[in-house]
Structure formats: structure tokens, C-alpha cells
Amino acid sequence: MSYDTTIGWSLFSSGVVTLLLVWLPGDSLYWGLALLAIGLAVLSRRFT
């Protein structure tokens, strides 16, 4: 179970960092949102 938590937090934090870098050209916003969604999905799977 700790593996899922680690993956979830890693993806979640990557998403937050990507959103902070949204000023970069490209689709950073979409990558950030996708990583946040995946990270939250992994975390929520662990708690259900």
C-alpha cells in the first residue's frame, strides 16, 4: 500500500510543480492537470 501512496504523492507534487511553471510555452497546464488527476486517483484508490 505504501507504494501506491508514494506514486500518488509523486504524481500530485509533479502536477503542482507543472502548474507553477504554466508560464512556459506549450501545454504545461494540461500536463499539470493530468498529473494532478492521476495522482489523486491513485491516492483515492488507496483510501477506498
PDB file of N, CA and C in Angstrom:
ATOM      1  N   MET A   1       0.816  -1.203   0.000  1.00  0.00           N
ATOM      2  CA  MET A   1       0.000   0.000   0.000  1.00  0.00           C
ATOM      3  C   MET A   1       0.857   1.263   0.000  1.00  0.00           C
ATOM      4  N   SER A   2       2.003   1.213   0.633  1.00  0.00           N
ATOM      5  CA  SER A   2       2.853   2.404   0.670  1.00  0.00           C
ATOM      6  C   SER A   2       3.352   2.764  -0.728  1.00  0.00           C
ATOM      7  N   TYR A   3       3.437   1.768  -1.598  1.00  0.00           N
ATOM      8  CA  TYR A   3       3.855   2.020  -2.978  1.00  0.00           C
ATOM      9  C   TYR A   3       2.851   2.934  -3.676  1.00  0.00           C
ATOM     10  N   ASP A   4       1.546   2.649  -3.522  1.00  0.00           N
ATOM     11  CA  ASP A   4       0.517   3.494  -4.127  1.00  0.00           C
ATOM     12  C   ASP A   4       0.572   4.904  -3.573  1.00  0.00           C
ATOM     13  N   THR A   5       0.807   5.040  -2.292  1.00  0.00           N
ATOM     14  CA  THR A   5       0.880   6.364  -1.681  1.00  0.00           C
ATOM     15  C   THR A   5       2.055   7.147  -2.248  1.00  0.00           C
ATOM     16  N   THR A   6       3.192   6.492  -2.385  1.00  0.00           N
ATOM     17  CA  THR A   6       4.374   7.149  -2.929  1.00  0.00           C
ATOM     18  C   THR A   6       4.143   7.605  -4.362  1.00  0.00           C
ATOM     19  N   ILE A   7       3.571   6.722  -5.169  1.00  0.00           N
ATOM     20  CA  ILE A   7       3.268   7.069  -6.564  1.00  0.00           C
ATOM     21  C   ILE A   7       2.279   8.234  -6.613  1.00  0.00           C
ATOM     22  N   GLY A   8       1.249   8.165  -5.795  1.00  0.00           N
ATOM     23  CA  GLY A   8       0.226   9.216  -5.775  1.00  0.00           C
ATOM     24  C   GLY A   8       0.798  10.562  -5.403  1.00  0.00           C
ATOM     25  N   TRP A   9       1.572  10.602  -4.325  1.00  0.00           N
ATOM     26  CA  TRP A   9       2.155  11.873  -3.901  1.00  0.00           C
ATOM     27  C   TRP A   9       3.163  12.389  -4.913  1.00  0.00           C
ATOM     28  N   SER A  10       3.893  11.483  -5.541  1.00  0.00           N
ATOM     29  CA  SER A  10       4.866  11.891  -6.550  1.00  0.00           C
ATOM     30  C   SER A  10       4.171  12.547  -7.736  1.00  0.00           C
ATOM     31  N   LEU A  11       3.110  11.909  -8.231  1.00  0.00           N
ATOM     32  CA  LEU A  11       2.370  12.481  -9.357  1.00  0.00           C
ATOM     33  C   LEU A  11       1.677  13.778  -8.966  1.00  0.00           C
ATOM     34  N   PHE A  12       1.121  13.808  -7.767  1.00  0.00           N
ATOM     35  CA  PHE A  12       0.437  15.013  -7.298  1.00  0.00           C
ATOM     36  C   PHE A  12       1.408  16.185  -7.208  1.00  0.00           C
ATOM     37  N   SER A  13       2.574  15.961  -6.612  1.00  0.00           N
ATOM     38  CA  SER A  13       3.548  17.044  -6.479  1.00  0.00           C
ATOM     39  C   SER A  13       4.099  17.458  -7.842  1.00  0.00           C
ATOM     40  N   SER A  14       4.249  16.500  -8.747  1.00  0.00           N
ATOM     41  CA  SER A  14       4.689  16.844 -10.100  1.00  0.00           C
ATOM     42  C   SER A  14       3.659  17.733 -10.781  1.00  0.00           C
ATOM     43  N   GLY A  15       2.395  17.436 -10.563  1.00  0.00           N
ATOM     44  CA  GLY A  15       1.336  18.260 -11.133  1.00  0.00           C
ATOM     45  C   GLY A  15       1.354  19.666 -10.592  1.00  0.00           C
ATOM     46  N   VAL A  16       1.562  19.796  -9.289  1.00  0.00           N
ATOM     47  CA  VAL A  16       1.619  21.124  -8.673  1.00  0.00           C
ATOM     48  C   VAL A  16       2.788  21.924  -9.243  1.00  0.00           C
ATOM     49  N   VAL A  17       3.939  21.299  -9.357  1.00  0.00           N
ATOM     50  CA  VAL A  17       5.112  21.985  -9.908  1.00  0.00           C
ATOM     51  C   VAL A  17       4.861  22.399 -11.350  1.00  0.00           C
ATOM     52  N   THR A  18       4.244  21.503 -12.120  1.00  0.00           N
ATOM     53  CA  THR A  18       3.957  21.832 -13.515  1.00  0.00           C
ATOM     54  C   THR A  18       3.001  23.004 -13.618  1.00  0.00           C
ATOM     55  N   LEU A  19       1.996  23.047 -12.739  1.00  0.00           N
ATOM     56  CA  LEU A  19       1.066  24.173 -12.756  1.00  0.00           C
ATOM     57  C   LEU A  19       1.771  25.478 -12.399  1.00  0.00           C
ATOM     58  N   LEU A  20       2.755  25.410 -11.512  1.00  0.00           N
ATOM     59  CA  LEU A  20       3.515  26.610 -11.168  1.00  0.00           C
ATOM     60  C   LEU A  20       4.360  27.086 -12.345  1.00  0.00           C
ATOM     61  N   LEU A  21       4.690  26.179 -13.242  1.00  0.00           N
ATOM     62  CA  LEU A  21       5.508  26.528 -14.409  1.00  0.00           C
ATOM     63  C   LEU A  21       4.660  26.775 -15.649  1.00  0.00           C
ATOM     64  N   VAL A  22       3.384  27.114 -15.435  1.00  0.00           N
ATOM     65  CA  VAL A  22       2.454  27.244 -16.562  1.00  0.00           C
ATOM     66  C   VAL A  22       2.832  28.386 -17.511  1.00  0.00           C
ATOM     67  N   TRP A  23       3.669  29.284 -17.047  1.00  0.00           N
ATOM     68  CA  TRP A  23       4.082  30.393 -17.898  1.00  0.00           C
ATOM     69  C   TRP A  23       4.969  29.946 -19.060  1.00  0.00           C
ATOM     70  N   LEU A  24       5.488  28.723 -18.986  1.00  0.00           N
ATOM     71  CA  LEU A  24       6.299  28.200 -20.076  1.00  0.00           C
ATOM     72  C   LEU A  24       5.424  27.958 -21.305  1.00  0.00           C
ATOM     73  N   PRO A  25       5.970  28.147 -22.493  1.00  0.00           N
ATOM     74  CA  PRO A  25       5.190  27.873 -23.706  1.00  0.00           C
ATOM     75  C   PRO A  25       4.886  26.387 -23.826  1.00  0.00           C
ATOM     76  N   GLY A  26       3.761  26.083 -24.438  1.00  0.00           N
ATOM     77  CA  GLY A  26       3.384  24.687 -24.602  1.00  0.00           C
ATOM     78  C   GLY A  26       2.131  24.364 -23.812  1.00  0.00           C
ATOM     79  N   ASP A  27       1.900  23.089 -23.584  1.00  0.00           N
ATOM     80  CA  ASP A  27       0.685  22.620 -22.916  1.00  0.00           C
ATOM     81  C   ASP A  27       0.962  22.230 -21.471  1.00  0.00           C
ATOM     82  N   SER A  28       1.726  23.040 -20.757  1.00  0.00           N
ATOM     83  CA  SER A  28       2.060  22.735 -19.367  1.00  0.00           C
ATOM     84  C   SER A  28       0.809  22.630 -18.499  1.00  0.00           C
ATOM     85  N   LEU A  29      -0.199  23.460 -18.764  1.00  0.00           N
ATOM     86  CA  LEU A  29      -1.422  23.445 -17.971  1.00  0.00           C
ATOM     87  C   LEU A  29      -2.092  22.080 -18.056  1.00  0.00           C
ATOM     88  N   TYR A  30      -2.184  21.545 -19.265  1.00  0.00           N
ATOM     89  CA  TYR A  30      -2.841  20.256 -19.439  1.00  0.00           C
ATOM     90  C   TYR A  30      -2.049  19.124 -18.802  1.00  0.00           C
ATOM     91  N   TRP A  31      -0.726  19.180 -18.905  1.00  0.00           N
ATOM     92  CA  TRP A  31       0.112  18.172 -18.246  1.00  0.00           C
ATOM     93  C   TRP A  31      -0.061  18.246 -16.740  1.00  0.00           C
ATOM     94  N   GLY A  32      -0.093  19.463 -16.200  1.00  0.00           N
ATOM     95  CA  GLY A  32      -0.272  19.628 -14.763  1.00  0.00           C
ATOM     96  C   GLY A  32      -1.602  19.083 -14.294  1.00  0.00           C
ATOM     97  N   LEU A  33      -2.666  19.408 -15.015  1.00  0.00           N
ATOM     98  CA  LEU A  33      -3.991  18.906 -14.648  1.00  0.00           C
ATOM     99  C   LEU A  33      -4.055  17.387 -14.749  1.00  0.00           C
ATOM    100  N   ALA A  34      -3.443  16.824 -15.773  1.00  0.00           N
ATOM    101  CA  ALA A  34      -3.451  15.373 -15.942  1.00  0.00           C
ATOM    102  C   ALA A  34      -2.703  14.686 -14.808  1.00  0.00           C
ATOM    103  N   LEU A  35      -1.539  15.213 -14.437  1.00  0.00           N
ATOM    104  CA  LEU A  35      -0.774  14.617 -13.343  1.00  0.00           C
ATOM    105  C   LEU A  35      -1.512  14.734 -12.017  1.00  0.00           C
ATOM    106  N   LEU A  36      -2.169  15.870 -11.792  1.00  0.00           N
ATOM    107  CA  LEU A  36      -2.966  16.033 -10.576  1.00  0.00           C
ATOM    108  C   LEU A  36      -4.093  15.003 -10.522  1.00  0.00           C
ATOM    109  N   ALA A  37      -4.766  14.828 -11.639  1.00  0.00           N
ATOM    110  CA  ALA A  37      -5.882  13.881 -11.685  1.00  0.00           C
ATOM    111  C   ALA A  37      -5.401  12.451 -11.451  1.00  0.00           C
ATOM    112  N   ILE A  38      -4.303  12.074 -12.080  1.00  0.00           N
ATOM    113  CA  ILE A  38      -3.772  10.719 -11.906  1.00  0.00           C
ATOM    114  C   ILE A  38      -3.305  10.502 -10.473  1.00  0.00           C
ATOM    115  N   GLY A  39      -2.614  11.484  -9.927  1.00  0.00           N
ATOM    116  CA  GLY A  39      -2.139  11.373  -8.542  1.00  0.00           C
ATOM    117  C   GLY A  39      -3.282  11.245  -7.554  1.00  0.00           C
ATOM    118  N   LEU A  40      -4.328  12.057  -7.737  1.00  0.00           N
ATOM    119  CA  LEU A  40      -5.485  11.979  -6.854  1.00  0.00           C
ATOM    120  C   LEU A  40      -6.221  10.656  -7.020  1.00  0.00           C
ATOM    121  N   ALA A  41      -6.268  10.134  -8.239  1.00  0.00           N
ATOM    122  CA  ALA A  41      -6.926   8.846  -8.477  1.00  0.00           C
ATOM    123  C   ALA A  41      -6.187   7.722  -7.755  1.00  0.00           C
ATOM    124  N   VAL A  42      -4.863   7.739  -7.811  1.00  0.00           N
ATOM    125  CA  VAL A  42      -4.074   6.709  -7.119  1.00  0.00           C
ATOM    126  C   VAL A  42      -4.262   6.822  -5.614  1.00  0.00           C
ATOM    127  N   LEU A  43      -4.252   8.065  -5.099  1.00  0.00           N
ATOM    128  CA  LEU A  43      -4.445   8.256  -3.664  1.00  0.00           C
ATOM    129  C   LEU A  43      -5.839   7.826  -3.220  1.00  0.00           C
ATOM    130  N   SER A  44      -6.853   8.183  -3.999  1.00  0.00           N
ATOM    131  CA  SER A  44      -8.216   7.834  -3.606  1.00  0.00           C
ATOM    132  C   SER A  44      -8.433   6.323  -3.682  1.00  0.00           C
ATOM    133  N   ARG A  45      -7.752   5.652  -4.598  1.00  0.00           N
ATOM    134  CA  ARG A  45      -7.864   4.192  -4.684  1.00  0.00           C
ATOM    135  C   ARG A  45      -7.317   3.543  -3.415  1.00  0.00           C
ATOM    136  N   ARG A  46      -6.293   4.150  -2.848  1.00  0.00           N
ATOM    137  CA  ARG A  46      -5.687   3.600  -1.642  1.00  0.00           C
ATOM    138  C   ARG A  46      -6.643   3.732  -0.456  1.00  0.00           C
ATOM    139  N   PHE A  47      -7.419   4.813  -0.394  1.00  0.00           N
ATOM    140  CA  PHE A  47      -8.268   5.079   0.754  1.00  0.00           C
ATOM    141  C   PHE A  47      -9.644   4.423   0.662  1.00  0.00           C
ATOM    142  N   THR A  48      -9.951   3.797  -0.473  1.00  0.00           N
ATOM    143  CA  THR A  48     -11.261   3.150  -0.605  1.00  0.00           C
ATOM    144  C   THR A  48     -11.153   1.654  -0.423  1.00  0.00           C
TER     145      THR A  48
END
